[in-house]
Amino acid sequence: MTPSIDPNGYPTSPAGFKAGAAYAGIKTYGEGKLDLAILASDQPCTVAATFTRNRLHSASVDVNRAHVAGNRAQAVVVNSGIANSSTGQRGLNDARQMTEWTAARLGIQDADVLVCSTGVIGHFLPMQQIGAGIDSITLDSGGGEAFARAIMTTDTRPKHGSVRFGPYTLGGATKGSGMIHPNMATMLAFLTTDAPVEPAFLQSALSAVVDRSFNLLSIDGDTSPSDTVLLFANGAAGGGTITADSPLAAEFVEALESLCVYLAKEMARDGEGATKLIEFTVRGAASVNDARTLVRLLSTSYLLKSAVHGADPNWGRVIAVAGRSGVVMSEPGVTASICGIRVFEGECPTEFDASAVAAAMRGDTVTIDVDLGVGSSEATGWGCDLSADYVSINADYHT
């Protein structure tokens, strides 16, 4: 049975985590004007991470890669509004300064603090305001909601949740609405658990789950220079350390995947200008890589995304993407369905009711399924429709 997600959960839901946020004057847009936040554990954590593959990555990614090398951390400080990317040595110094100020505020080591920044690329951080903001933040176990709001940029709402496994809790919050096509993570995601987890297993579990969740999410085909997923395990709920061979190992991975899939879908629903969540499933593939390749291509087809926005049952746009994908397929065996209605098989359209498909596509969730007819591998990913609002949001984003 798939673990049940509590949509009212936060990164502070697991025992021993607290958070808080403030407005430091970095962001001139967004709900609540919160733009600076801290998430911290009462005790040192085992930490795992995945980062962007964008080679022109942000200063925070450089700092975090160094700090997580020892698989230990206790806090993360996050600002929204400015990405601190393409800012050279000054940006790197500023990111380090943020960890130092936060460490002093919490009474912990600089190396135990991670840092994330999200927003406009190529602008410098207002460090005097950030320093004052860090000093003003009050952390408590009820600060998860403020944390989730403070990390938002063009998001229309905070995205968060929690899940139980065994005697433990996993919590998380994400931000991301545009520039999402990560190939390893997605914008920013902060995950926590009060379970004690062995470092190597924590990292291998996170990497595998990210591949099956955030890596199969795309809003617009662009990969941010700031993409980061962090997973903190503080062991505050006690018990023996969970390793790959532990009885709870599979349950932990299942819970982590359920939470990450839920958060990925929440980001797709809140994609810039989105009115519909699209869930893409590719079955019958020769390999998992082929299935994932086609999912990513389907989720970034502007023609297909536009058709979904208009509730147009134009199955040809699905088949055209499959045909150009380069993945292995049996042409006579390829089938396609929209909202559960088979629209293509045997190299021909079926005698489907176009009005029924269009009616189904007018809902807030549209499913697109393709079977390649050559194997047993499959993958599921998520995206959203393409509306005129997406253009408006991004035409005005910087100015």
Protein backbone atom coordinates (compact mmCIF):
# COMPACT_ATOMS: atom_id res chain seq x y z
CA MET A 1 0.00 0.00 0.00
CA THR A 2 1.34 3.44 -0.96
CA PRO A 3 2.05 5.54 2.15
CA SER A 4 -0.51 8.26 2.81
CA ILE A 5 0.74 11.83 2.39
CA ASP A 6 -0.32 14.49 4.87
CA PRO A 7 -0.60 17.67 2.76
CA ASN A 8 -0.47 19.72 5.97
CA GLY A 9 2.99 18.43 6.84
CA TYR A 10 6.22 20.47 6.69
CA PRO A 11 9.97 19.97 7.06
CA THR A 12 9.36 20.69 10.74
CA SER A 13 6.95 17.75 11.12
CA PRO A 14 9.70 15.26 12.08
CA ALA A 15 10.92 15.55 15.68
CA GLY A 16 13.81 17.90 16.38
CA PHE A 17 13.43 20.27 13.42
CA LYS A 18 12.50 23.95 13.61
CA ALA A 19 12.26 26.80 11.14
CA GLY A 20 11.54 30.47 10.77
CA ALA A 21 11.45 33.24 8.15
CA ALA A 22 11.65 36.98 7.70
CA TYR A 23 11.36 39.67 5.06
CA ALA A 24 14.82 41.07 4.32
CA GLY A 25 13.87 43.24 1.33
CA ILE A 26 15.38 40.92 -1.29
CA LYS A 27 12.15 40.05 -3.07
CA THR A 28 9.75 42.58 -4.56
CA TYR A 29 7.15 39.99 -5.55
CA GLY A 30 5.49 36.95 -4.03
CA GLU A 31 3.01 36.05 -1.35
CA GLY A 32 3.63 37.44 2.10
CA LYS A 33 6.89 39.16 1.17
CA LEU A 34 8.90 36.58 3.15
CA ASP A 35 12.24 36.06 1.41
CA LEU A 36 14.71 34.68 3.94
CA ALA A 37 14.38 31.47 5.94
CA ILE A 38 16.27 29.04 8.14
CA LEU A 39 15.58 25.32 8.67
CA ALA A 40 17.57 23.74 11.50
CA SER A 41 17.84 20.57 13.55
CA ASP A 42 18.37 20.50 17.31
CA GLN A 43 21.22 18.07 16.71
CA PRO A 44 23.67 17.32 13.88
CA CYS A 45 22.21 15.37 10.96
CA THR A 46 23.35 12.91 8.40
CA VAL A 47 22.78 14.70 5.08
CA ALA A 48 22.39 13.65 1.46
CA ALA A 49 22.12 15.92 -1.57
CA THR A 50 21.73 16.16 -5.32
CA PHE A 51 22.61 19.23 -7.34
CA THR A 52 22.05 20.79 -10.75
CA ARG A 53 23.99 19.61 -13.78
CA ASN A 54 23.96 23.12 -15.20
CA ARG A 55 27.69 23.88 -15.57
CA LEU A 56 27.14 27.58 -14.81
CA HIS A 57 25.78 26.80 -11.38
CA SER A 58 25.11 29.15 -8.48
CA ALA A 59 27.53 30.01 -5.68
CA SER A 60 25.39 28.12 -3.19
CA VAL A 61 25.91 24.87 -5.12
CA ASP A 62 29.69 25.29 -4.79
CA VAL A 63 29.45 25.95 -1.07
CA ASN A 64 27.04 23.08 -0.46
CA ARG A 65 29.10 20.53 -2.38
CA ALA A 66 32.00 21.31 -0.06
CA HIS A 67 29.91 21.28 3.11
CA VAL A 68 28.10 17.99 2.42
CA ALA A 69 31.34 16.16 1.60
CA GLY A 70 31.41 14.83 5.16
CA ASN A 71 27.73 13.76 5.04
CA ARG A 72 26.93 16.04 7.97
CA ALA A 73 24.93 19.24 8.37
CA GLN A 74 22.57 20.83 10.87
CA ALA A 75 20.89 23.76 9.12
CA VAL A 76 20.20 25.49 5.83
CA VAL A 77 19.63 29.18 5.17
CA VAL A 78 17.62 30.10 2.07
CA ASN A 79 16.87 33.36 0.31
CA SER A 80 14.44 33.97 -2.55
CA GLY A 81 14.38 36.81 -5.06
CA ILE A 82 18.03 36.63 -6.13
CA ALA A 83 19.73 33.41 -7.28
CA ASN A 84 23.33 34.49 -6.52
CA SER A 85 24.33 32.81 -9.78
CA SER A 86 26.84 34.18 -12.33
CA THR A 87 28.12 36.51 -9.60
CA GLY A 88 31.78 35.41 -9.52
CA GLN A 89 33.97 35.50 -6.45
CA ARG A 90 31.77 38.08 -4.75
CA GLY A 91 28.82 35.70 -4.99
CA LEU A 92 30.87 32.85 -3.55
CA ASN A 93 32.02 35.06 -0.66
CA ASP A 94 28.44 36.13 -0.01
CA ALA A 95 27.19 32.53 0.09
CA ARG A 96 29.91 31.63 2.58
CA GLN A 97 29.05 34.70 4.64
CA MET A 98 25.43 33.58 4.86
CA THR A 99 26.53 30.23 6.33
CA GLU A 100 28.83 31.98 8.80
CA TRP A 101 26.13 34.37 10.01
CA THR A 102 23.62 31.54 10.35
CA ALA A 103 26.12 29.38 12.23
CA ALA A 104 26.79 32.22 14.66
CA ARG A 105 23.03 32.75 15.08
CA LEU A 106 22.53 29.05 15.92
CA GLY A 107 25.76 28.46 17.84
CA ILE A 108 27.01 25.73 15.49
CA GLN A 109 29.94 25.23 13.10
CA ASP A 110 30.05 27.09 9.76
CA ALA A 111 30.60 23.80 7.93
CA ASP A 112 27.32 22.45 9.34
CA VAL A 113 25.26 25.14 7.57
CA LEU A 114 24.13 24.84 3.95
CA VAL A 115 22.86 27.72 1.80
CA CYS A 116 20.42 28.03 -1.09
CA SER A 117 19.46 31.05 -3.20
CA THR A 118 16.75 31.30 -5.84
CA GLY A 119 15.46 34.09 -8.04
CA VAL A 120 16.92 36.36 -10.70
CA ILE A 121 20.32 35.37 -12.13
CA GLY A 122 23.23 37.83 -12.27
CA HIS A 123 22.32 40.10 -9.35
CA PHE A 124 24.29 40.50 -6.13
CA LEU A 125 22.73 39.79 -2.75
CA PRO A 126 21.99 42.76 -0.40
CA MET A 127 24.21 41.35 2.34
CA GLN A 128 23.57 44.02 4.97
CA GLN A 129 19.84 43.32 4.77
CA ILE A 130 20.41 39.56 4.82
CA GLY A 131 22.62 39.81 7.89
CA ALA A 132 19.95 41.76 9.75
CA GLY A 133 17.30 39.33 8.53
CA ILE A 134 19.17 36.29 9.81
CA ASP A 135 19.45 37.91 13.24
CA SER A 136 15.71 38.62 13.28
CA ILE A 137 14.49 35.09 12.51
CA THR A 138 12.86 33.19 15.36
CA LEU A 139 12.94 29.42 14.92
CA ASP A 140 10.39 27.01 16.32
CA SER A 141 8.64 23.75 15.43
CA GLY A 142 5.69 25.70 14.01
CA GLY A 143 7.83 27.62 11.53
CA GLY A 144 7.44 25.19 8.64
CA GLU A 145 4.66 27.15 6.96
CA ALA A 146 6.64 30.39 6.98
CA PHE A 147 9.70 28.53 5.65
CA ALA A 148 7.67 27.08 2.76
CA ARG A 149 6.36 30.54 1.82
CA ALA A 150 9.72 32.30 2.12
CA ILE A 151 11.41 30.06 -0.46
CA MET A 152 8.82 30.85 -3.18
CA THR A 153 9.54 32.95 -6.27
CA THR A 154 6.89 32.78 -9.03
CA ASP A 155 5.11 29.98 -7.17
CA THR A 156 1.48 30.82 -6.49
CA ARG A 157 1.35 28.75 -3.29
CA PRO A 158 3.66 26.87 -0.93
CA LYS A 159 4.24 23.16 -1.58
CA HIS A 160 4.82 20.84 1.36
CA GLY A 161 3.82 17.55 2.96
CA SER A 162 4.83 14.73 5.28
CA VAL A 163 4.54 10.96 5.51
CA ARG A 164 4.96 8.32 8.23
CA PHE A 165 6.97 5.11 8.02
CA GLY A 166 7.44 2.78 10.96
CA PRO A 167 7.84 5.00 14.05
CA TYR A 168 9.30 7.83 11.99
CA THR A 169 8.23 10.89 9.98
CA LEU A 170 9.49 12.34 6.71
CA GLY A 171 8.66 15.96 5.92
CA GLY A 172 9.41 18.28 3.05
CA ALA A 173 8.86 21.52 1.19
CA THR A 174 9.71 22.50 -2.36
CA LYS A 175 9.71 25.59 -4.48
CA GLY A 176 9.58 25.68 -8.23
CA SER A 177 7.18 26.94 -10.84
CA GLY A 178 9.34 27.71 -13.86
CA MET A 179 12.83 26.95 -15.22
CA ILE A 180 12.21 23.33 -14.30
CA HIS A 181 13.72 20.50 -16.28
CA PRO A 182 16.35 19.40 -13.84
CA ASN A 183 17.88 16.10 -14.96
CA MET A 184 18.75 15.41 -11.32
CA ALA A 185 16.84 17.60 -8.89
CA THR A 186 14.40 20.43 -9.12
CA MET A 187 14.78 24.02 -8.17
CA LEU A 188 14.87 23.69 -4.36
CA ALA A 189 13.63 20.79 -2.23
CA PHE A 190 14.18 20.39 1.50
CA LEU A 191 13.46 17.00 3.07
CA THR A 192 13.81 15.95 6.70
CA THR A 193 13.37 12.84 8.81
CA ASP A 194 13.71 12.02 12.49
CA ALA A 195 14.95 8.53 11.61
CA PRO A 196 18.62 7.60 12.11
CA VAL A 197 19.89 6.68 8.63
CA GLU A 198 23.36 5.51 7.65
CA PRO A 199 25.06 8.11 5.36
CA ALA A 200 25.78 5.90 2.34
CA PHE A 201 22.25 4.48 2.36
CA LEU A 202 20.71 7.95 2.79
CA GLN A 203 22.57 9.17 -0.30
CA SER A 204 21.86 6.12 -2.44
CA ALA A 205 18.17 6.21 -1.49
CA LEU A 206 17.87 9.92 -2.29
CA SER A 207 19.67 9.61 -5.63
CA ALA A 208 17.47 6.70 -6.70
CA VAL A 209 14.25 8.39 -5.60
CA VAL A 210 15.17 11.71 -7.27
CA ASP A 211 15.61 9.80 -10.54
CA ARG A 212 12.07 8.44 -10.22
CA SER A 213 10.42 11.67 -9.10
CA PHE A 214 11.95 15.13 -9.53
CA ASN A 215 14.02 13.99 -12.51
CA LEU A 216 10.82 13.18 -14.38
CA LEU A 217 9.25 16.59 -13.81
CA SER A 218 9.39 19.32 -16.43
CA ILE A 219 7.61 22.64 -16.70
CA ASP A 220 9.45 24.27 -19.59
CA GLY A 221 12.60 22.33 -20.49
CA ASP A 222 15.02 24.72 -18.75
CA THR A 223 17.42 23.61 -16.01
CA SER A 224 18.14 26.12 -13.25
CA PRO A 225 21.71 26.83 -12.11
CA SER A 226 20.50 26.51 -8.51
CA ASP A 227 18.73 23.11 -8.47
CA THR A 228 19.24 21.43 -5.10
CA VAL A 229 17.63 18.63 -3.12
CA LEU A 230 18.71 18.25 0.50
CA LEU A 231 17.71 15.41 2.86
CA PHE A 232 18.48 15.74 6.58
CA ALA A 233 18.22 12.77 8.98
CA ASN A 234 18.69 13.73 12.64
CA GLY A 235 17.74 10.46 14.39
CA ALA A 236 15.72 12.39 16.99
CA ALA A 237 13.05 9.67 17.19
CA GLY A 238 15.64 7.11 18.30
CA GLY A 239 16.07 3.50 17.34
CA GLY A 240 18.80 1.64 15.50
CA THR A 241 20.49 3.12 12.46
CA ILE A 242 18.71 2.24 9.21
CA THR A 243 21.03 0.73 6.63
CA ALA A 244 20.41 -0.85 3.24
CA ASP A 245 20.00 -4.22 5.01
CA SER A 246 17.65 -3.02 7.76
CA PRO A 247 14.05 -4.28 7.97
CA LEU A 248 12.84 -0.66 7.59
CA ALA A 249 15.03 0.11 4.56
CA ALA A 250 12.42 -0.66 1.92
CA GLU A 251 9.71 1.15 3.89
CA PHE A 252 11.93 4.23 4.17
CA VAL A 253 12.61 4.31 0.42
CA GLU A 254 8.91 3.81 -0.35
CA ALA A 255 7.93 6.67 1.97
CA LEU A 256 10.64 8.94 0.55
CA GLU A 257 9.53 8.21 -3.01
CA SER A 258 5.87 8.82 -2.16
CA LEU A 259 6.71 12.21 -0.65
CA CYS A 260 8.97 13.24 -3.55
CA VAL A 261 6.42 12.17 -6.18
CA TYR A 262 3.71 14.10 -4.32
CA LEU A 263 5.89 17.24 -4.20
CA ALA A 264 6.88 16.86 -7.86
CA LYS A 265 3.21 16.70 -8.85
CA GLU A 266 2.46 19.73 -6.70
CA MET A 267 5.12 21.68 -8.59
CA ALA A 268 3.68 20.57 -11.92
CA ARG A 269 0.20 21.69 -10.85
CA ASP A 270 1.67 25.07 -9.91
CA GLY A 271 3.77 25.46 -13.07
CA GLU A 272 3.89 29.01 -14.37
CA GLY A 273 0.56 29.77 -16.00
CA ALA A 274 -0.57 26.15 -15.62
CA THR A 275 -4.23 25.16 -15.52
CA LYS A 276 -3.76 21.38 -15.70
CA LEU A 277 -1.43 18.70 -14.38
CA ILE A 278 -0.33 16.26 -17.10
CA GLU A 279 0.83 12.78 -16.09
CA PHE A 280 2.83 10.93 -18.73
CA THR A 281 3.33 7.16 -18.55
CA VAL A 282 5.46 5.20 -21.00
CA ARG A 283 5.19 1.41 -20.89
CA GLY A 284 6.49 -1.48 -22.98
CA ALA A 285 9.91 0.15 -23.36
CA ALA A 286 13.13 -1.74 -24.07
CA SER A 287 14.83 0.00 -21.12
CA VAL A 288 14.08 2.38 -18.27
CA ASN A 289 16.29 4.94 -20.01
CA ASP A 290 14.11 4.76 -23.14
CA ALA A 291 10.95 5.16 -21.07
CA ARG A 292 12.35 8.17 -19.22
CA THR A 293 13.64 9.73 -22.43
CA LEU A 294 10.20 9.63 -24.00
CA VAL A 295 8.52 10.94 -20.83
CA ARG A 296 10.85 13.96 -20.86
CA LEU A 297 10.26 14.62 -24.56
CA LEU A 298 6.49 14.40 -24.17
CA SER A 299 6.53 16.73 -21.17
CA THR A 300 8.47 19.40 -23.08
CA SER A 301 6.56 19.37 -26.36
CA TYR A 302 5.06 22.83 -26.67
CA LEU A 303 2.64 21.57 -29.32
CA LEU A 304 1.37 18.84 -27.04
CA LYS A 305 1.23 21.13 -23.99
CA SER A 306 -0.77 23.66 -26.03
CA ALA A 307 -3.19 20.98 -27.20
CA VAL A 308 -3.78 19.91 -23.61
CA HIS A 309 -4.43 23.52 -22.61
CA GLY A 310 -7.13 23.73 -25.28
CA ALA A 311 -8.55 20.27 -24.48
CA ASP A 312 -7.80 19.29 -28.08
CA PRO A 313 -7.62 15.46 -28.48
CA ASN A 314 -4.91 15.75 -31.12
CA TRP A 315 -3.26 12.36 -30.60
CA GLY A 316 -0.95 13.03 -33.55
CA ARG A 317 1.13 15.29 -31.33
CA VAL A 318 1.76 12.36 -28.98
CA ILE A 319 2.72 9.96 -31.78
CA ALA A 320 4.93 12.55 -33.47
CA VAL A 321 7.00 12.94 -30.28
CA ALA A 322 7.31 9.17 -29.87
CA GLY A 323 8.39 8.83 -33.50
CA ARG A 324 11.17 11.43 -33.25
CA SER A 325 12.37 10.28 -29.83
CA GLY A 326 14.93 7.78 -31.09
CA VAL A 327 13.81 5.15 -28.56
CA VAL A 328 13.31 1.52 -29.55
CA MET A 329 9.74 0.66 -30.50
CA SER A 330 7.63 -1.80 -32.48
CA GLU A 331 5.77 0.43 -34.92
CA PRO A 332 2.76 -1.93 -35.26
CA GLY A 333 2.74 -2.38 -31.47
CA VAL A 334 2.71 1.28 -30.42
CA THR A 335 -0.47 2.42 -28.66
CA ALA A 336 -1.51 5.76 -27.16
CA SER A 337 -4.28 6.75 -24.76
CA ILE A 338 -5.52 10.13 -23.53
CA CYS A 339 -7.38 10.26 -20.22
CA GLY A 340 -7.70 6.49 -20.30
CA ILE A 341 -9.27 6.40 -23.79
CA ARG A 342 -7.31 4.50 -26.45
CA VAL A 343 -6.82 6.83 -29.42
CA PHE A 344 -4.12 5.03 -31.45
CA GLU A 345 -3.08 1.42 -32.07
CA GLY A 346 -2.04 -0.80 -34.95
CA GLU A 347 -0.51 2.22 -36.72
CA CYS A 348 -3.98 3.81 -37.03
CA PRO A 349 -6.37 5.93 -35.00
CA THR A 350 -9.05 4.06 -33.11
CA GLU A 351 -12.76 4.81 -33.49
CA PHE A 352 -12.77 6.91 -30.34
CA ASP A 353 -15.30 9.57 -29.40
CA ALA A 354 -13.39 12.83 -29.82
CA SER A 355 -15.95 14.79 -27.82
CA ALA A 356 -15.59 12.38 -24.89
CA VAL A 357 -11.81 12.75 -24.92
CA ALA A 358 -12.09 16.54 -25.12
CA ALA A 359 -14.50 16.54 -22.19
CA ALA A 360 -12.08 14.45 -20.13
CA MET A 361 -9.23 16.80 -21.04
CA ARG A 362 -11.12 19.76 -19.62
CA GLY A 363 -10.50 18.41 -16.12
CA ASP A 364 -7.60 19.58 -13.97
CA THR A 365 -5.58 16.39 -14.59
CA VAL A 366 -4.83 14.89 -18.02
CA THR A 367 -3.16 11.50 -18.42
CA ILE A 368 -1.22 10.49 -21.53
CA ASP A 369 -0.10 6.86 -21.89
CA VAL A 370 2.14 5.39 -24.56
CA ASP A 371 3.07 1.72 -24.96
CA LEU A 372 6.12 1.08 -27.16
CA GLY A 373 5.40 -2.63 -27.52
CA VAL A 374 8.96 -3.93 -27.17
CA GLY A 375 9.72 -4.60 -23.52
CA SER A 376 8.65 -4.42 -19.88
CA SER A 377 10.27 -1.18 -18.70
CA GLU A 378 8.20 1.88 -17.82
CA ALA A 379 8.37 5.36 -16.34
CA THR A 380 5.93 8.03 -15.19
CA GLY A 381 6.57 11.76 -15.17
CA TRP A 382 4.72 15.03 -14.80
CA GLY A 383 4.29 18.35 -16.51
CA CYS A 384 1.64 20.98 -17.18
CA ASP A 385 -0.17 22.69 -20.01
CA LEU A 386 1.17 25.77 -21.80
CA SER A 387 -0.96 28.89 -21.45
CA ALA A 388 -0.63 32.53 -22.50
CA ASP A 389 0.03 33.34 -18.85
CA TYR A 390 3.35 31.47 -19.03
CA VAL A 391 4.55 33.95 -21.64
CA SER A 392 3.31 36.94 -19.64
CA ILE A 393 4.99 35.78 -16.43
CA ASN A 394 8.36 35.27 -18.09
CA ALA A 395 8.17 38.37 -20.29
CA ASP A 396 7.90 40.47 -17.12
CA TYR A 397 9.97 38.36 -14.69
CA HIS A 398 13.19 40.40 -14.68
CA THR A 399 11.71 43.85 -15.19
